[in-house]
Every structure is written in C-alpha cells, then in structure tokens.
Amino acid sequence: MTEKYQLGIDLGGTNIAVGVVDEEFHIAGKASIPTEAETKDGMAAPETIADRMAEAARLALEKAAVSIDQVETIGIGSPGSVDPFKGVVKYANNLHFFQTPLRKLLQERLHKPVFVENDANAAAYGEAMAGASKGFRNSVMITLGTGVGGGVIIDGKLLTGCSYCGGELGHTGMVYGGELCTCGRRGCIEAYCSATALIRQTKCKMEEFPESAMWGICGGDLEQVNGKTAFDGMRAGDAPALEVVNQFINYLGYAVTNYVNLLQPEILLIGGGICKEGETLLSPLREILNRDAYCKTPEENTKLAAATLGNDAGIIGAASLYRLYQS
C-alpha cells in the first residue's frame, strides 16, 4: 500500500518552508527558498509568490523521494488575517496581500486540495498535534520573536473569532499609552514581551551602564545585541543584565497571567528563540502565575511549558489543517 502524505507550507515574508509530513507527523523531507516578496519593481504579485510556493513544494517532495500523487492535501500557514473557509488571506501587510485567494492560486498550480490558516494559529495547532501540547484539548501558544504571535485552541479547535482576527495575543494591552507598537496602538504586549522589545530594553540598559558586562558579550557593538545578551550577562553576574531579565520576565508574567485568567487553558506554551532559556525563563514565570492567577489552587492551574517543535511547528500544523477544515 502506497504511503500517503500531506504538504505543510510555512509562508513568511522572507522565506517559504515546505515539509512533506506523514500520518505520524514525521517530516520526510523539507525545503526552504526565499519568498522574494520584494522586487526591484516593488512587491511581488500574489501569483508570483504562489509560483514560489509551488517550487518549494516540488523541492521538498524531491528531497523526501515522494511523488505528488502520494500527497493528499496541502496546508498553508500565512501571515495576516485569514478566512480558512474561503481560503482567502484578507490582509497581510508584509506580503501586500489583500483579499488574496491563496487556496485557489496554489490549487491551480499543484492540483491538490489546499487549506489556509494564519501562521501563528498553524504553529499552535502543530504543537497540539505533535508537540508539547499534544493530548490537551485546550491550549494557548505564544511565540516571542520579532513580534508576539499567538494561537488559542479551545476544545480542539482554533479560536479565530467572527472576523478571523481573534487570538492576536500580542496586541492585547499591557500599559495604557505605553510604548508604540508596530500595529499603531500604544502599550501592546508585543511592545514589551517580543524579542525585539527585549533587545531594545537591553540596549537601553547598556547605554545607561557603559561598564556593564553586556558590552563585552556583544563585542562592544550594539548592533550585535540579541535576545540572549541580557541572559548571558545575568549568568556572568552582571547587575544591569539582571535588571533587564527581571523586568522582561515580570512583563511576560503579567501577560501570561492575563491569558490564563481569560482562557484558563490546560497548558500554555512559550515558543520562539527565547524559550531556549528553559527553566531560567519558565521557573520565575510559574512563580508569578501561581502568585497572581485568579485560580488559587496551583495543582489545578494552567501548566506552563516551552514549545518543542521549533520551526517545524508551522509546517506540521499547516499539514494538519485538513483535520479541521476538510468537509
């Protein structure tokens, strides 16, 4: 009997990653190519990006030694607000998509059923299918990267809201009138808890304390500061670095407690490069959650853990979308 596969596509503004996923959620082969969303003449047309997705899909199939005939469905995790029932990206600013019929465009090129969902939702679904939240019916995942992405799963289904913009966890409020967020609003959680925010906070503290060990860690160059710099400085016994880490964890703990009080999921995952800090990050967050969450019985409170699939979460989640949306 010929084994069947699903294709999962993680569409980003910079790269397109495609994986060939089997029924046990193993990736048999994958490929990544530049999206080339920007050209010398402006933004690439959606048709051109669909061509690039099809090219990446064929490369992944070649690496997996799988034929397109063995593929049952294709899933796409796309930035922006997505109508999964129509297969339309309503708006994605970094790709200049507006009411883009992404399902139709890729079906015309690969001639397979295509399902489309927001990329953060797809990643959360991937963790629920094969990662750290597998076996839980109610879960939340936040990804700390350039921004703060989020996905909410309730009773095994993605929460998207009436306009398919639900679950934008990075754009709930942290500080009224606070830091300007990329969305144009002030005080969003993204402006305080993203890796971008952590880097900004680190640079500010370094400029305030020119004797900080963080200068040596980044070679004396502010442009080399990353999400690990403050944590590495803290481990080196640097007091300003400890201040940065404590402030960041307090911000993140405040946000996580809000999510738990609102949704009370069985498990909340933290993804992105920062989650590689492991218990250095998670242990103080648990202390904040157990102290501040409305539920005062810690044994019944939400489990807090790191996501485990990394960049594969989006691929596996996209490949699994047929489970949600196939009629």
C-alpha atoms as a PDB file:
ATOM      1  CA  MET A   1       0.000   0.000   0.000  1.00  0.00           C
ATOM      2  CA  THR A   2       1.395   3.409  -1.015  1.00  0.00           C
ATOM      3  CA  GLU A   3       2.020   5.693   1.942  1.00  0.00           C
ATOM      4  CA  LYS A   4       0.131   8.987   1.923  1.00  0.00           C
ATOM      5  CA  TYR A   5       1.468  12.394   2.872  1.00  0.00           C
ATOM      6  CA  GLN A   6       0.371  15.976   3.457  1.00  0.00           C
ATOM      7  CA  LEU A   7       2.359  19.056   2.464  1.00  0.00           C
ATOM      8  CA  GLY A   8       2.766  21.805   5.065  1.00  0.00           C
ATOM      9  CA  ILE A   9       3.817  25.270   3.892  1.00  0.00           C
ATOM     10  CA  ASP A  10       5.062  27.954   6.269  1.00  0.00           C
ATOM     11  CA  LEU A  11       4.813  31.140   4.223  1.00  0.00           C
ATOM     12  CA  GLY A  12       6.898  34.000   5.568  1.00  0.00           C
ATOM     13  CA  GLY A  13       7.832  37.431   4.348  1.00  0.00           C
ATOM     14  CA  THR A  14      11.448  36.289   3.971  1.00  0.00           C
ATOM     15  CA  ASN A  15      11.343  32.533   3.370  1.00  0.00           C
ATOM     16  CA  ILE A  16       8.958  29.788   2.310  1.00  0.00           C
ATOM     17  CA  ALA A  17       9.475  26.494   4.171  1.00  0.00           C
ATOM     18  CA  VAL A  18       7.741  23.323   2.996  1.00  0.00           C
ATOM     19  CA  GLY A  19       7.651  19.912   4.638  1.00  0.00           C
ATOM     20  CA  VAL A  20       6.358  16.539   3.487  1.00  0.00           C
ATOM     21  CA  VAL A  21       4.531  15.157   6.533  1.00  0.00           C
ATOM     22  CA  ASP A  22       3.444  11.559   7.063  1.00  0.00           C
ATOM     23  CA  GLU A  23       0.498  10.259   9.066  1.00  0.00           C
ATOM     24  CA  GLU A  24       2.622  10.085  12.241  1.00  0.00           C
ATOM     25  CA  PHE A  25       3.576  13.775  11.882  1.00  0.00           C
ATOM     26  CA  HIS A  26       7.152  12.972  10.868  1.00  0.00           C
ATOM     27  CA  ILE A  27       8.701  15.245   8.244  1.00  0.00           C
ATOM     28  CA  ALA A  28      10.035  13.046   5.454  1.00  0.00           C
ATOM     29  CA  GLY A  29      11.731  15.928   3.681  1.00  0.00           C
ATOM     30  CA  LYS A  30      11.683  19.692   3.616  1.00  0.00           C
ATOM     31  CA  ALA A  31      12.922  22.634   1.607  1.00  0.00           C
ATOM     32  CA  SER A  32      13.210  26.381   2.124  1.00  0.00           C
ATOM     33  CA  ILE A  33      13.597  29.076  -0.502  1.00  0.00           C
ATOM     34  CA  PRO A  34      13.458  32.901  -0.370  1.00  0.00           C
ATOM     35  CA  THR A  35       9.965  34.316  -0.739  1.00  0.00           C
ATOM     36  CA  GLU A  36      11.265  37.196  -2.862  1.00  0.00           C
ATOM     37  CA  ALA A  37       8.249  39.240  -1.811  1.00  0.00           C
ATOM     38  CA  GLU A  38      10.059  42.451  -2.717  1.00  0.00           C
ATOM     39  CA  THR A  39      11.455  43.013  -6.194  1.00  0.00           C
ATOM     40  CA  LYS A  40      13.267  45.941  -7.777  1.00  0.00           C
ATOM     41  CA  ASP A  41       9.912  46.987  -9.203  1.00  0.00           C
ATOM     42  CA  GLY A  42       8.036  46.768  -5.893  1.00  0.00           C
ATOM     43  CA  MET A  43       6.125  43.974  -4.146  1.00  0.00           C
ATOM     44  CA  ALA A  44       5.755  40.654  -5.944  1.00  0.00           C
ATOM     45  CA  ALA A  45       2.285  39.750  -7.170  1.00  0.00           C
ATOM     46  CA  PRO A  46       0.414  37.024  -5.248  1.00  0.00           C
ATOM     47  CA  GLU A  47       0.643  34.853  -8.371  1.00  0.00           C
ATOM     48  CA  THR A  48       4.431  35.090  -8.243  1.00  0.00           C
ATOM     49  CA  ILE A  49       4.506  34.096  -4.582  1.00  0.00           C
ATOM     50  CA  ALA A  50       2.212  31.153  -5.392  1.00  0.00           C
ATOM     51  CA  ASP A  51       4.734  30.121  -8.048  1.00  0.00           C
ATOM     52  CA  ARG A  52       7.466  30.227  -5.390  1.00  0.00           C
ATOM     53  CA  MET A  53       5.375  28.077  -3.018  1.00  0.00           C
ATOM     54  CA  ALA A  54       4.844  25.509  -5.763  1.00  0.00           C
ATOM     55  CA  GLU A  55       8.582  25.491  -6.491  1.00  0.00           C
ATOM     56  CA  ALA A  56       9.425  24.951  -2.816  1.00  0.00           C
ATOM     57  CA  ALA A  57       6.827  22.159  -2.624  1.00  0.00           C
ATOM     58  CA  ARG A  58       8.420  20.333  -5.564  1.00  0.00           C
ATOM     59  CA  LEU A  59      11.868  20.655  -3.963  1.00  0.00           C
ATOM     60  CA  ALA A  60      10.577  19.221  -0.673  1.00  0.00           C
ATOM     61  CA  LEU A  61       8.948  16.303  -2.489  1.00  0.00           C
ATOM     62  CA  GLU A  62      12.195  15.632  -4.317  1.00  0.00           C
ATOM     63  CA  LYS A  63      14.155  15.583  -1.033  1.00  0.00           C
ATOM     64  CA  ALA A  64      11.607  13.220   0.513  1.00  0.00           C
ATOM     65  CA  ALA A  65      11.593  10.975  -2.573  1.00  0.00           C
ATOM     66  CA  VAL A  66       7.804  11.299  -2.605  1.00  0.00           C
ATOM     67  CA  SER A  67       5.671  11.882  -5.692  1.00  0.00           C
ATOM     68  CA  ILE A  68       2.908  14.462  -5.875  1.00  0.00           C
ATOM     69  CA  ASP A  69       0.494  11.558  -6.429  1.00  0.00           C
ATOM     70  CA  GLN A  70       1.164  10.448  -2.839  1.00  0.00           C
ATOM     71  CA  VAL A  71       0.103  13.851  -1.481  1.00  0.00           C
ATOM     72  CA  GLU A  72      -3.482  14.034  -0.240  1.00  0.00           C
ATOM     73  CA  THR A  73      -3.749  17.679   0.860  1.00  0.00           C
ATOM     74  CA  ILE A  74      -1.694  20.861   1.210  1.00  0.00           C
ATOM     75  CA  GLY A  75      -1.867  23.325   4.081  1.00  0.00           C
ATOM     76  CA  ILE A  76      -0.526  26.874   4.206  1.00  0.00           C
ATOM     77  CA  GLY A  77       0.265  28.927   7.284  1.00  0.00           C
ATOM     78  CA  SER A  78       0.225  32.540   6.096  1.00  0.00           C
ATOM     79  CA  PRO A  79       0.867  35.823   7.877  1.00  0.00           C
ATOM     80  CA  GLY A  80      -2.126  38.076   8.360  1.00  0.00           C
ATOM     81  CA  SER A  81      -5.832  37.581   8.853  1.00  0.00           C
ATOM     82  CA  VAL A  82      -7.081  34.505   7.026  1.00  0.00           C
ATOM     83  CA  ASP A  83     -10.562  33.245   6.209  1.00  0.00           C
ATOM     84  CA  PRO A  84      -9.915  29.483   6.362  1.00  0.00           C
ATOM     85  CA  PHE A  85     -13.315  28.593   4.931  1.00  0.00           C
ATOM     86  CA  LYS A  86     -12.811  30.624   1.756  1.00  0.00           C
ATOM     87  CA  GLY A  87      -9.050  30.081   1.630  1.00  0.00           C
ATOM     88  CA  VAL A  88      -8.519  33.832   1.375  1.00  0.00           C
ATOM     89  CA  VAL A  89      -5.857  35.962   3.063  1.00  0.00           C
ATOM     90  CA  LYS A  90      -7.874  39.027   3.960  1.00  0.00           C
ATOM     91  CA  TYR A  91      -4.823  41.145   4.779  1.00  0.00           C
ATOM     92  CA  ALA A  92      -1.097  40.518   5.262  1.00  0.00           C
ATOM     93  CA  ASN A  93       0.923  43.721   5.295  1.00  0.00           C
ATOM     94  CA  ASN A  94       4.383  42.185   4.850  1.00  0.00           C
ATOM     95  CA  LEU A  95       3.274  40.399   1.674  1.00  0.00           C
ATOM     96  CA  HIS A  96       0.894  43.131   0.475  1.00  0.00           C
ATOM     97  CA  PHE A  97      -1.917  40.572   0.353  1.00  0.00           C
ATOM     98  CA  PHE A  98      -5.436  41.985   0.348  1.00  0.00           C
ATOM     99  CA  GLN A  99      -8.365  39.617  -0.203  1.00  0.00           C
ATOM    100  CA  THR A 100      -5.865  37.250  -1.853  1.00  0.00           C
ATOM    101  CA  PRO A 101      -7.378  33.883  -2.896  1.00  0.00           C
ATOM    102  CA  LEU A 102      -4.342  31.869  -1.809  1.00  0.00           C
ATOM    103  CA  ARG A 103      -6.115  28.498  -1.838  1.00  0.00           C
ATOM    104  CA  LYS A 104      -7.244  28.993  -5.429  1.00  0.00           C
ATOM    105  CA  LEU A 105      -3.812  30.175  -6.573  1.00  0.00           C
ATOM    106  CA  LEU A 106      -1.982  27.128  -5.200  1.00  0.00           C
ATOM    107  CA  GLN A 107      -4.654  24.637  -6.257  1.00  0.00           C
ATOM    108  CA  GLU A 108      -4.230  25.879  -9.810  1.00  0.00           C
ATOM    109  CA  ARG A 109      -0.525  25.077  -9.608  1.00  0.00           C
ATOM    110  CA  LEU A 110      -0.413  21.788  -7.683  1.00  0.00           C
ATOM    111  CA  HIS A 111      -3.927  20.387  -8.298  1.00  0.00           C
ATOM    112  CA  LYS A 112      -4.489  19.210  -4.721  1.00  0.00           C
ATOM    113  CA  PRO A 113      -6.955  20.338  -2.034  1.00  0.00           C
ATOM    114  CA  VAL A 114      -5.464  23.344  -0.212  1.00  0.00           C
ATOM    115  CA  PHE A 115      -6.258  24.669   3.284  1.00  0.00           C
ATOM    116  CA  VAL A 116      -5.127  28.046   4.608  1.00  0.00           C
ATOM    117  CA  GLU A 117      -4.769  29.401   8.142  1.00  0.00           C
ATOM    118  CA  ASN A 118      -2.901  32.146   9.968  1.00  0.00           C
ATOM    119  CA  ASP A 119       0.736  31.124  10.531  1.00  0.00           C
ATOM    120  CA  ALA A 120       0.699  31.553  14.328  1.00  0.00           C
ATOM    121  CA  ASN A 121      -2.512  29.527  14.529  1.00  0.00           C
ATOM    122  CA  ALA A 122      -0.911  26.828  12.379  1.00  0.00           C
ATOM    123  CA  ALA A 123       2.118  26.684  14.695  1.00  0.00           C
ATOM    124  CA  ALA A 124      -0.127  26.358  17.764  1.00  0.00           C
ATOM    125  CA  TYR A 125      -2.033  23.582  16.017  1.00  0.00           C
ATOM    126  CA  GLY A 126       1.224  21.831  15.133  1.00  0.00           C
ATOM    127  CA  GLU A 127       2.254  21.769  18.791  1.00  0.00           C
ATOM    128  CA  ALA A 128      -1.196  20.400  19.655  1.00  0.00           C
ATOM    129  CA  MET A 129      -0.880  17.652  17.053  1.00  0.00           C
ATOM    130  CA  ALA A 130       2.677  16.539  17.701  1.00  0.00           C
ATOM    131  CA  GLY A 131       4.410  18.802  20.219  1.00  0.00           C
ATOM    132  CA  ALA A 132       4.298  19.947  23.804  1.00  0.00           C
ATOM    133  CA  SER A 133       0.517  20.449  23.940  1.00  0.00           C
ATOM    134  CA  LYS A 134      -0.370  17.090  22.374  1.00  0.00           C
ATOM    135  CA  GLY A 135      -3.153  15.420  24.331  1.00  0.00           C
ATOM    136  CA  PHE A 136      -4.613  18.687  25.654  1.00  0.00           C
ATOM    137  CA  ARG A 137      -7.953  19.889  24.308  1.00  0.00           C
ATOM    138  CA  ASN A 138      -7.446  23.481  25.454  1.00  0.00           C
ATOM    139  CA  SER A 139      -4.124  25.208  24.893  1.00  0.00           C
ATOM    140  CA  VAL A 140      -2.528  28.565  24.206  1.00  0.00           C
ATOM    141  CA  MET A 141       0.783  29.175  22.467  1.00  0.00           C
ATOM    142  CA  ILE A 142       2.638  32.468  22.335  1.00  0.00           C
ATOM    143  CA  THR A 143       5.690  32.921  20.141  1.00  0.00           C
ATOM    144  CA  LEU A 144       8.209  35.569  21.136  1.00  0.00           C
ATOM    145  CA  GLY A 145      10.002  36.739  18.011  1.00  0.00           C
ATOM    146  CA  THR A 146      10.070  39.930  16.002  1.00  0.00           C
ATOM    147  CA  GLY A 147       6.558  40.339  17.358  1.00  0.00           C
ATOM    148  CA  VAL A 148       4.384  38.267  19.674  1.00  0.00           C
ATOM    149  CA  GLY A 149       2.348  35.699  17.780  1.00  0.00           C
ATOM    150  CA  GLY A 150      -0.390  33.653  19.333  1.00  0.00           C
ATOM    151  CA  GLY A 151      -2.739  30.776  18.838  1.00  0.00           C
ATOM    152  CA  VAL A 152      -5.654  29.650  21.009  1.00  0.00           C
ATOM    153  CA  ILE A 153      -7.183  26.181  20.820  1.00  0.00           C
ATOM    154  CA  ILE A 154     -10.461  25.534  22.619  1.00  0.00           C
ATOM    155  CA  ASP A 155     -11.971  22.059  22.652  1.00  0.00           C
ATOM    156  CA  GLY A 156      -9.576  21.025  19.878  1.00  0.00           C
ATOM    157  CA  LYS A 157     -10.495  23.891  17.544  1.00  0.00           C
ATOM    158  CA  LEU A 158      -8.724  27.124  16.719  1.00  0.00           C
ATOM    159  CA  LEU A 159     -10.245  30.307  18.106  1.00  0.00           C
ATOM    160  CA  THR A 160     -10.383  32.812  15.242  1.00  0.00           C
ATOM    161  CA  GLY A 161     -13.407  34.987  16.005  1.00  0.00           C
ATOM    162  CA  CYS A 162     -16.064  36.365  13.683  1.00  0.00           C
ATOM    163  CA  SER A 163     -13.542  38.269  11.534  1.00  0.00           C
ATOM    164  CA  TYR A 164     -10.751  35.640  11.719  1.00  0.00           C
ATOM    165  CA  CYS A 165      -8.568  38.114  13.637  1.00  0.00           C
ATOM    166  CA  GLY A 166      -9.107  36.512  17.039  1.00  0.00           C
ATOM    167  CA  GLY A 167      -6.222  35.185  19.087  1.00  0.00           C
ATOM    168  CA  GLU A 168      -3.936  38.169  18.394  1.00  0.00           C
ATOM    169  CA  LEU A 169      -2.337  37.790  21.791  1.00  0.00           C
ATOM    170  CA  GLY A 170       0.473  40.231  21.091  1.00  0.00           C
ATOM    171  CA  HIS A 171      -1.992  43.056  20.568  1.00  0.00           C
ATOM    172  CA  THR A 172      -3.800  42.966  23.873  1.00  0.00           C
ATOM    173  CA  GLY A 173      -2.898  45.761  26.257  1.00  0.00           C
ATOM    174  CA  MET A 174      -0.004  45.910  28.701  1.00  0.00           C
ATOM    175  CA  VAL A 175       0.380  49.635  29.503  1.00  0.00           C
ATOM    176  CA  TYR A 176      -2.182  52.311  28.656  1.00  0.00           C
ATOM    177  CA  GLY A 177      -0.481  54.936  26.494  1.00  0.00           C
ATOM    178  CA  GLY A 178       2.784  52.985  26.653  1.00  0.00           C
ATOM    179  CA  GLU A 179       5.386  52.033  24.050  1.00  0.00           C
ATOM    180  CA  LEU A 180       4.335  52.385  20.421  1.00  0.00           C
ATOM    181  CA  CYS A 181       3.543  49.008  18.847  1.00  0.00           C
ATOM    182  CA  THR A 182       4.020  48.068  15.194  1.00  0.00           C
ATOM    183  CA  CYS A 183       0.219  47.851  14.894  1.00  0.00           C
ATOM    184  CA  GLY A 184      -0.042  51.601  15.603  1.00  0.00           C
ATOM    185  CA  ARG A 185      -1.504  51.216  19.088  1.00  0.00           C
ATOM    186  CA  ARG A 186       0.392  52.064  22.255  1.00  0.00           C
ATOM    187  CA  GLY A 187       1.072  49.708  25.139  1.00  0.00           C
ATOM    188  CA  CYS A 188       0.579  46.324  23.435  1.00  0.00           C
ATOM    189  CA  ILE A 189       2.110  43.209  24.936  1.00  0.00           C
ATOM    190  CA  GLU A 190       4.188  42.885  21.762  1.00  0.00           C
ATOM    191  CA  ALA A 191       5.903  46.196  22.578  1.00  0.00           C
ATOM    192  CA  TYR A 192       7.146  44.753  25.901  1.00  0.00           C
ATOM    193  CA  CYS A 193       7.446  40.973  25.511  1.00  0.00           C
ATOM    194  CA  SER A 194       8.745  40.331  21.986  1.00  0.00           C
ATOM    195  CA  ALA A 195      12.385  39.502  21.283  1.00  0.00           C
ATOM    196  CA  THR A 196      12.530  42.886  19.563  1.00  0.00           C
ATOM    197  CA  ALA A 197      11.398  44.553  22.802  1.00  0.00           C
ATOM    198  CA  LEU A 198      13.935  42.586  24.849  1.00  0.00           C
ATOM    199  CA  ILE A 199      16.726  43.704  22.520  1.00  0.00           C
ATOM    200  CA  ARG A 200      15.585  47.324  22.826  1.00  0.00           C
ATOM    201  CA  GLN A 201      15.435  47.046  26.612  1.00  0.00           C
ATOM    202  CA  THR A 202      18.921  45.514  26.651  1.00  0.00           C
ATOM    203  CA  LYS A 203      20.410  48.291  24.527  1.00  0.00           C
ATOM    204  CA  CYS A 204      18.862  50.990  26.698  1.00  0.00           C
ATOM    205  CA  LYS A 205      20.337  49.432  29.845  1.00  0.00           C
ATOM    206  CA  MET A 206      23.758  49.092  28.209  1.00  0.00           C
ATOM    207  CA  GLU A 207      23.758  52.764  27.247  1.00  0.00           C
ATOM    208  CA  GLU A 208      22.825  53.621  30.819  1.00  0.00           C
ATOM    209  CA  PHE A 209      25.639  51.439  32.209  1.00  0.00           C
ATOM    210  CA  PRO A 210      28.741  51.617  29.966  1.00  0.00           C
ATOM    211  CA  GLU A 211      30.619  49.379  32.435  1.00  0.00           C
ATOM    212  CA  SER A 212      28.084  46.533  32.001  1.00  0.00           C
ATOM    213  CA  ALA A 213      29.480  43.125  31.052  1.00  0.00           C
ATOM    214  CA  MET A 214      26.905  43.045  28.257  1.00  0.00           C
ATOM    215  CA  TRP A 215      29.199  45.306  26.210  1.00  0.00           C
ATOM    216  CA  GLY A 216      31.868  42.626  26.198  1.00  0.00           C
ATOM    217  CA  ILE A 217      29.342  39.901  25.391  1.00  0.00           C
ATOM    218  CA  CYS A 218      28.296  41.697  22.215  1.00  0.00           C
ATOM    219  CA  GLY A 219      31.820  42.785  21.264  1.00  0.00           C
ATOM    220  CA  GLY A 220      31.184  46.419  22.084  1.00  0.00           C
ATOM    221  CA  ASP A 221      28.704  46.690  19.202  1.00  0.00           C
ATOM    222  CA  LEU A 222      25.049  47.475  19.943  1.00  0.00           C
ATOM    223  CA  GLU A 223      24.094  46.004  16.579  1.00  0.00           C
ATOM    224  CA  GLN A 224      25.247  42.591  17.845  1.00  0.00           C
ATOM    225  CA  VAL A 225      22.806  42.597  20.771  1.00  0.00           C
ATOM    226  CA  ASN A 226      20.294  39.746  20.605  1.00  0.00           C
ATOM    227  CA  GLY A 227      17.721  38.071  22.807  1.00  0.00           C
ATOM    228  CA  LYS A 228      20.439  36.112  24.684  1.00  0.00           C
ATOM    229  CA  THR A 229      22.665  39.067  25.570  1.00  0.00           C
ATOM    230  CA  ALA A 230      20.929  40.031  28.824  1.00  0.00           C
ATOM    231  CA  PHE A 231      20.541  36.386  29.898  1.00  0.00           C
ATOM    232  CA  ASP A 232      24.244  35.740  29.225  1.00  0.00           C
ATOM    233  CA  GLY A 233      25.120  38.899  31.178  1.00  0.00           C
ATOM    234  CA  MET A 234      22.952  37.761  34.081  1.00  0.00           C
ATOM    235  CA  ARG A 235      24.760  34.409  34.142  1.00  0.00           C
ATOM    236  CA  ALA A 236      28.046  36.328  34.234  1.00  0.00           C
ATOM    237  CA  GLY A 237      26.874  38.147  37.382  1.00  0.00           C
ATOM    238  CA  ASP A 238      26.196  41.491  35.701  1.00  0.00           C
ATOM    239  CA  ALA A 239      23.719  43.570  37.746  1.00  0.00           C
ATOM    240  CA  PRO A 240      22.336  45.667  34.830  1.00  0.00           C
ATOM    241  CA  ALA A 241      21.718  42.462  32.853  1.00  0.00           C
ATOM    242  CA  LEU A 242      19.846  41.003  35.821  1.00  0.00           C
ATOM    243  CA  GLU A 243      17.648  44.118  35.862  1.00  0.00           C
ATOM    244  CA  VAL A 244      16.809  43.638  32.175  1.00  0.00           C
ATOM    245  CA  VAL A 245      15.966  39.959  32.625  1.00  0.00           C
ATOM    246  CA  ASN A 246      13.849  40.559  35.724  1.00  0.00           C
ATOM    247  CA  GLN A 247      11.918  43.368  34.056  1.00  0.00           C
ATOM    248  CA  PHE A 248      11.304  41.253  30.931  1.00  0.00           C
ATOM    249  CA  ILE A 249      10.132  38.261  32.969  1.00  0.00           C
ATOM    250  CA  ASN A 250       7.812  40.486  35.006  1.00  0.00           C
ATOM    251  CA  TYR A 251       6.277  41.893  31.821  1.00  0.00           C
ATOM    252  CA  LEU A 252       5.881  38.415  30.359  1.00  0.00           C
ATOM    253  CA  GLY A 253       4.483  37.035  33.608  1.00  0.00           C
ATOM    254  CA  TYR A 254       1.885  39.793  33.657  1.00  0.00           C
ATOM    255  CA  ALA A 255       0.866  38.906  30.092  1.00  0.00           C
ATOM    256  CA  VAL A 256       0.774  35.152  30.735  1.00  0.00           C
ATOM    257  CA  THR A 257      -1.386  35.662  33.819  1.00  0.00           C
ATOM    258  CA  ASN A 258      -3.820  37.714  31.751  1.00  0.00           C
ATOM    259  CA  TYR A 259      -4.089  34.915  29.184  1.00  0.00           C
ATOM    260  CA  VAL A 260      -4.641  32.303  31.892  1.00  0.00           C
ATOM    261  CA  ASN A 261      -7.272  34.365  33.706  1.00  0.00           C
ATOM    262  CA  LEU A 262      -9.119  34.954  30.433  1.00  0.00           C
ATOM    263  CA  LEU A 263      -8.952  31.472  28.916  1.00  0.00           C
ATOM    264  CA  GLN A 264      -7.830  29.035  31.658  1.00  0.00           C
ATOM    265  CA  PRO A 265      -6.204  26.616  29.188  1.00  0.00           C
ATOM    266  CA  GLU A 266      -4.825  23.305  30.360  1.00  0.00           C
ATOM    267  CA  ILE A 267      -1.405  24.275  29.041  1.00  0.00           C
ATOM    268  CA  LEU A 268       0.267  27.458  27.832  1.00  0.00           C
ATOM    269  CA  LEU A 269       3.347  27.170  25.618  1.00  0.00           C
ATOM    270  CA  ILE A 270       6.055  29.717  25.009  1.00  0.00           C
ATOM    271  CA  GLY A 271       7.810  29.490  21.662  1.00  0.00           C
ATOM    272  CA  GLY A 272      10.495  31.428  19.837  1.00  0.00           C
ATOM    273  CA  GLY A 273      14.229  31.569  20.446  1.00  0.00           C
ATOM    274  CA  ILE A 274      13.812  32.905  23.987  1.00  0.00           C
ATOM    275  CA  CYS A 275      12.157  29.652  25.090  1.00  0.00           C
ATOM    276  CA  LYS A 276      15.600  28.005  24.727  1.00  0.00           C
ATOM    277  CA  GLU A 277      16.403  29.614  28.088  1.00  0.00           C
ATOM    278  CA  GLY A 278      14.314  26.786  29.543  1.00  0.00           C
ATOM    279  CA  GLU A 279      13.785  26.853  33.297  1.00  0.00           C
ATOM    280  CA  THR A 280      15.732  30.110  33.610  1.00  0.00           C
ATOM    281  CA  LEU A 281      12.687  31.666  31.980  1.00  0.00           C
ATOM    282  CA  LEU A 282       9.917  29.248  32.937  1.00  0.00           C
ATOM    283  CA  SER A 283      10.566  28.839  36.661  1.00  0.00           C
ATOM    284  CA  PRO A 284      10.099  32.524  37.608  1.00  0.00           C
ATOM    285  CA  LEU A 285       7.136  32.742  35.241  1.00  0.00           C
ATOM    286  CA  ARG A 286       5.488  29.861  37.110  1.00  0.00           C
ATOM    287  CA  GLU A 287       6.066  31.686  40.378  1.00  0.00           C
ATOM    288  CA  ILE A 288       4.314  34.772  39.007  1.00  0.00           C
ATOM    289  CA  LEU A 289       1.472  32.686  37.601  1.00  0.00           C
ATOM    290  CA  ASN A 290       0.934  30.753  40.835  1.00  0.00           C
ATOM    291  CA  ARG A 291       1.000  34.005  42.803  1.00  0.00           C
ATOM    292  CA  ASP A 292      -1.201  36.156  40.572  1.00  0.00           C
ATOM    293  CA  ALA A 293      -3.577  33.871  38.671  1.00  0.00           C
ATOM    294  CA  TYR A 294      -7.200  34.073  39.751  1.00  0.00           C
ATOM    295  CA  CYS A 295      -7.210  30.304  40.277  1.00  0.00           C
ATOM    296  CA  LYS A 296      -5.579  29.913  43.704  1.00  0.00           C
ATOM    297  CA  THR A 297      -5.041  26.158  43.604  1.00  0.00           C
ATOM    298  CA  PRO A 298      -1.712  25.716  41.777  1.00  0.00           C
ATOM    299  CA  GLU A 299      -2.279  21.997  41.200  1.00  0.00           C
ATOM    300  CA  GLU A 300      -5.328  22.943  39.092  1.00  0.00           C
ATOM    301  CA  ASN A 301      -3.705  25.893  37.355  1.00  0.00           C
ATOM    302  CA  THR A 302      -2.523  26.054  33.778  1.00  0.00           C
ATOM    303  CA  LYS A 303       0.663  24.126  33.003  1.00  0.00           C
ATOM    304  CA  LEU A 304       3.423  26.359  31.632  1.00  0.00           C
ATOM    305  CA  ALA A 305       5.954  24.819  29.242  1.00  0.00           C
ATOM    306  CA  ALA A 306       8.259  25.535  26.319  1.00  0.00           C
ATOM    307  CA  ALA A 307       7.189  24.675  22.785  1.00  0.00           C
ATOM    308  CA  THR A 308       9.200  21.762  21.410  1.00  0.00           C
ATOM    309  CA  LEU A 309       8.816  21.694  17.624  1.00  0.00           C
ATOM    310  CA  GLY A 310      10.646  24.916  16.799  1.00  0.00           C
ATOM    311  CA  ASN A 311      10.252  25.990  13.178  1.00  0.00           C
ATOM    312  CA  ASP A 312       8.650  22.641  12.335  1.00  0.00           C
ATOM    313  CA  ALA A 313       5.506  23.570  14.293  1.00  0.00           C
ATOM    314  CA  GLY A 314       4.214  25.738  11.457  1.00  0.00           C
ATOM    315  CA  ILE A 315       4.883  23.050   8.865  1.00  0.00           C
ATOM    316  CA  ILE A 316       3.230  20.249  10.869  1.00  0.00           C
ATOM    317  CA  GLY A 317       0.298  22.473  11.808  1.00  0.00           C
ATOM    318  CA  ALA A 318      -0.253  23.556   8.207  1.00  0.00           C
ATOM    319  CA  ALA A 319      -0.073  19.950   7.022  1.00  0.00           C
ATOM    320  CA  SER A 320      -2.736  19.042   9.602  1.00  0.00           C
ATOM    321  CA  LEU A 321      -5.270  21.730   8.640  1.00  0.00           C
ATOM    322  CA  TYR A 322      -7.348  19.268   6.657  1.00  0.00           C
ATOM    323  CA  ARG A 323      -8.328  17.713  10.009  1.00  0.00           C
ATOM    324  CA  LEU A 324     -10.093  20.984  10.902  1.00  0.00           C
ATOM    325  CA  TYR A 325     -11.467  22.154   7.604  1.00  0.00           C
ATOM    326  CA  GLN A 326     -11.990  19.203   5.278  1.00  0.00           C
ATOM    327  CA  SER A 327     -15.732  18.831   4.817  1.00  0.00           C
END
